[in-house]
C-alpha atoms as a PDB file:
ATOM      1  CA  UNK A   1      81.140  88.481  78.817  1.00  0.00           C
ATOM      2  CA  UNK A   2      83.880  90.527  80.125  1.00  0.00           C
ATOM      3  CA  UNK A   3      81.987  93.597  77.826  1.00  0.00           C
ATOM      4  CA  UNK A   4      78.663  93.400  79.164  1.00  0.00           C
ATOM      5  CA  UNK A   5      79.985  92.805  82.957  1.00  0.00           C
ATOM      6  CA  UNK A   6      82.324  95.440  83.191  1.00  0.00           C
ATOM      7  CA  UNK A   7      81.076  98.985  80.569  1.00  0.00           C
ATOM      8  CA  UNK A   8      77.155  97.705  79.262  1.00  0.00           C
ATOM      9  CA  UNK A   9      76.824  97.056  83.019  1.00  0.00           C
ATOM     10  CA  UNK A  10      77.363 100.512  83.547  1.00  0.00           C
ATOM     11  CA  UNK A  11      74.397 101.723  80.632  1.00  0.00           C
ATOM     12  CA  UNK A  12      72.179  99.132  81.604  1.00  0.00           C
ATOM     13  CA  UNK A  13      71.363 100.255  85.017  1.00  0.00           C
ATOM     14  CA  UNK A  14      73.053  97.996  86.726  1.00  0.00           C
ATOM     15  CA  UNK A  15      70.232  95.440  85.836  1.00  0.00           C
ATOM     16  CA  UNK A  16      72.133  92.168  85.219  1.00  0.00           C
ATOM     17  CA  UNK A  17      68.923  91.004  83.665  1.00  0.00           C
ATOM     18  CA  UNK A  18      69.542  93.308  80.380  1.00  0.00           C
ATOM     19  CA  UNK A  19      72.673  91.332  79.812  1.00  0.00           C
ATOM     20  CA  UNK A  20      73.041  89.182  76.510  1.00  0.00           C
ATOM     21  CA  UNK A  21      76.117  86.658  77.010  1.00  0.00           C
ATOM     22  CA  UNK A  22      76.480  87.190  80.549  1.00  0.00           C
ATOM     23  CA  UNK A  23      73.058  86.663  81.922  1.00  0.00           C
ATOM     24  CA  UNK A  24      73.357  84.736  85.122  1.00  0.00           C
ATOM     25  CA  UNK A  25      69.800  82.837  84.722  1.00  0.00           C
ATOM     26  CA  UNK A  26      71.600  81.056  81.854  1.00  0.00           C
ATOM     27  CA  UNK A  27      75.186  79.475  83.838  1.00  0.00           C
ATOM     28  CA  UNK A  28      75.775  77.077  80.942  1.00  0.00           C
ATOM     29  CA  UNK A  29      76.144  79.923  78.285  1.00  0.00           C
ATOM     30  CA  UNK A  30      78.620  81.382  80.847  1.00  0.00           C
ATOM     31  CA  UNK A  31      80.512  78.018  81.190  1.00  0.00           C
ATOM     32  CA  UNK A  32      80.598  77.491  77.146  1.00  0.00           C
ATOM     33  CA  UNK A  33      82.173  81.051  76.176  1.00  0.00           C
ATOM     34  CA  UNK A  34      85.029  80.784  79.086  1.00  0.00           C
ATOM     35  CA  UNK A  35      85.268  77.497  77.626  1.00  0.00           C
ATOM     36  CA  UNK A  36      85.183  78.362  74.152  1.00  0.00           C
ATOM     37  CA  UNK A  37      87.955  81.957  74.946  1.00  0.00           C
ATOM     38  CA  UNK A  38      89.581  79.403  76.401  1.00  0.00           C
ATOM     39  CA  UNK A  39      90.157  77.073  73.539  1.00  0.00           C
ATOM     40  CA  UNK A  40      90.583  80.208  71.139  1.00  0.00           C
ATOM     41  CA  UNK A  41      93.779  80.665  71.976  1.00  0.00           C
ATOM     42  CA  UNK A  42      96.389  81.072  70.637  1.00  0.00           C
ATOM     43  CA  UNK A  43      99.918  80.467  71.928  1.00  0.00           C
ATOM     44  CA  UNK A  44     101.826  82.083  69.617  1.00  0.00           C
ATOM     45  CA  UNK A  45      99.754  85.764  70.365  1.00  0.00           C
ATOM     46  CA  UNK A  46     100.614  85.585  73.602  1.00  0.00           C
ATOM     47  CA  UNK A  47     103.917  84.869  72.915  1.00  0.00           C
ATOM     48  CA  UNK A  48     104.325  87.600  70.094  1.00  0.00           C
ATOM     49  CA  UNK A  49     102.834  89.801  73.232  1.00  0.00           C
ATOM     50  CA  UNK A  50     105.225  88.636  74.959  1.00  0.00           C
ATOM     51  CA  UNK A  51     108.312  89.206  72.871  1.00  0.00           C
ATOM     52  CA  UNK A  52     106.708  92.883  71.641  1.00  0.00           C
ATOM     53  CA  UNK A  53     106.127  93.500  74.905  1.00  0.00           C
ATOM     54  CA  UNK A  54     109.931  93.063  75.613  1.00  0.00           C
ATOM     55  CA  UNK A  55     111.445  94.918  73.092  1.00  0.00           C
ATOM     56  CA  UNK A  56     109.165  97.877  73.626  1.00  0.00           C
ATOM     57  CA  UNK A  57     111.262  97.525  77.621  1.00  0.00           C
ATOM     58  CA  UNK A  58     114.503  97.417  75.738  1.00  0.00           C
ATOM     59  CA  UNK A  59     113.386 100.626  73.539  1.00  0.00           C
ATOM     60  CA  UNK A  60     112.437 102.644  77.047  1.00  0.00           C
ATOM     61  CA  UNK A  61     115.751 101.656  78.417  1.00  0.00           C
ATOM     62  CA  UNK A  62     117.715 102.880  75.762  1.00  0.00           C
ATOM     63  CA  UNK A  63     115.691 105.928  75.182  1.00  0.00           C
ATOM     64  CA  UNK A  64     116.314 106.879  78.897  1.00  0.00           C
ATOM     65  CA  UNK A  65     120.217 105.953  78.740  1.00  0.00           C
ATOM     66  CA  UNK A  66     120.607 108.646  75.254  1.00  0.00           C
ATOM     67  CA  UNK A  67     118.227 111.428  77.666  1.00  0.00           C
ATOM     68  CA  UNK A  68     120.899 111.279  80.746  1.00  0.00           C
ATOM     69  CA  UNK A  69     123.732 110.938  77.962  1.00  0.00           C
ATOM     70  CA  UNK A  70     121.889 114.031  76.636  1.00  0.00           C
ATOM     71  CA  UNK A  71     121.528 115.610  80.190  1.00  0.00           C
ATOM     72  CA  UNK A  72     125.057 115.007  81.526  1.00  0.00           C
ATOM     73  CA  UNK A  73     126.461 116.892  77.260  1.00  0.00           C
ATOM     74  CA  UNK A  74     124.601 119.440  78.458  1.00  0.00           C
ATOM     75  CA  UNK A  75     125.339 119.817  82.106  1.00  0.00           C
ATOM     76  CA  UNK A  76     128.942 119.421  80.839  1.00  0.00           C
ATOM     77  CA  UNK A  77     128.735 122.569  78.205  1.00  0.00           C
ATOM     78  CA  UNK A  78     127.137 124.849  80.948  1.00  0.00           C
ATOM     79  CA  UNK A  79     129.571 124.116  83.458  1.00  0.00           C
ATOM     80  CA  UNK A  80     132.015 124.750  80.972  1.00  0.00           C
ATOM     81  CA  UNK A  81     130.086 128.398  79.965  1.00  0.00           C
ATOM     82  CA  UNK A  82     130.122 128.895  83.824  1.00  0.00           C
ATOM     83  CA  UNK A  83     134.243 128.011  84.633  1.00  0.00           C
ATOM     84  CA  UNK A  84     135.084 130.269  81.628  1.00  0.00           C
ATOM     85  CA  UNK A  85     132.606 132.950  83.010  1.00  0.00           C
ATOM     86  CA  UNK A  86     134.387 132.849  86.516  1.00  0.00           C
ATOM     87  CA  UNK A  87     137.712 133.253  84.531  1.00  0.00           C
ATOM     88  CA  UNK A  88     136.597 136.367  82.776  1.00  0.00           C
ATOM     89  CA  UNK A  89     135.008 138.218  86.080  1.00  0.00           C
ATOM     90  CA  UNK A  90     138.231 137.225  87.824  1.00  0.00           C
ATOM     91  CA  UNK A  91     140.202 138.376  85.336  1.00  0.00           C
ATOM     92  CA  UNK A  92     137.930 141.601  84.304  1.00  0.00           C
ATOM     93  CA  UNK A  93     137.961 142.036  88.460  1.00  0.00           C
ATOM     94  CA  UNK A  94     142.096 142.019  88.838  1.00  0.00           C
ATOM     95  CA  UNK A  95     142.130 144.451  86.131  1.00  0.00           C
ATOM     96  CA  UNK A  96     143.205 141.879  83.503  1.00  0.00           C
ATOM     97  CA  UNK A  97     142.291 142.398  79.831  1.00  0.00           C
ATOM     98  CA  UNK A  98     140.406 139.622  77.429  1.00  0.00           C
ATOM     99  CA  UNK A  99     140.405 139.284  73.986  1.00  0.00           C
ATOM    100  CA  UNK A 100     136.640 140.453  74.683  1.00  0.00           C
ATOM    101  CA  UNK A 101     137.434 143.275  76.649  1.00  0.00           C
ATOM    102  CA  UNK A 102     140.483 144.379  74.962  1.00  0.00           C
ATOM    103  CA  UNK A 103     139.194 147.371  72.611  1.00  0.00           C
ATOM    104  CA  UNK A 104     136.586 148.561  75.510  1.00  0.00           C
ATOM    105  CA  UNK A 105     136.150 151.364  77.276  1.00  0.00           C
ATOM    106  CA  UNK A 106     135.681 151.444  81.227  1.00  0.00           C
ATOM    107  CA  UNK A 107     131.944 151.510  81.044  1.00  0.00           C
ATOM    108  CA  UNK A 108     132.163 148.721  78.330  1.00  0.00           C
ATOM    109  CA  UNK A 109     134.550 146.552  80.820  1.00  0.00           C
ATOM    110  CA  UNK A 110     131.634 147.744  83.671  1.00  0.00           C
ATOM    111  CA  UNK A 111     129.026 146.259  81.203  1.00  0.00           C
ATOM    112  CA  UNK A 112     131.006 143.035  80.564  1.00  0.00           C
ATOM    113  CA  UNK A 113     131.392 142.291  84.011  1.00  0.00           C
ATOM    114  CA  UNK A 114     127.869 143.040  85.170  1.00  0.00           C
ATOM    115  CA  UNK A 115     126.906 140.502  82.107  1.00  0.00           C
ATOM    116  CA  UNK A 116     129.134 138.160  83.801  1.00  0.00           C
ATOM    117  CA  UNK A 117     127.316 138.407  87.281  1.00  0.00           C
ATOM    118  CA  UNK A 118     124.542 138.155  85.974  1.00  0.00           C
ATOM    119  CA  UNK A 119     125.310 135.189  84.021  1.00  0.00           C
ATOM    120  CA  UNK A 120     127.085 133.253  86.407  1.00  0.00           C
END
């Protein structure tokens, strides 16, 4: 009946006289159908669906926590790289040498400074 009321009425030009199960002229049929639906409800099915919904909620929470942990790890890696780049830039700007720039020319060091500045 719900299917007819919600879906088929759209295709039947909202003409209630075209309904089969939900015929508005036959109220006894509607009452019998609702009673039959209530008699056939299985409480175990409802319990199963409730438990499955709770399991899905727990799984979604677990995935959210894992996502947060991955984001925090990525943030920590990026922050460490940023701090390392800042330290290298400060050392190069002060005229010091790093392991990466030990054998580079002055032009190479300037390119490295520019690259570090852009990265930061």
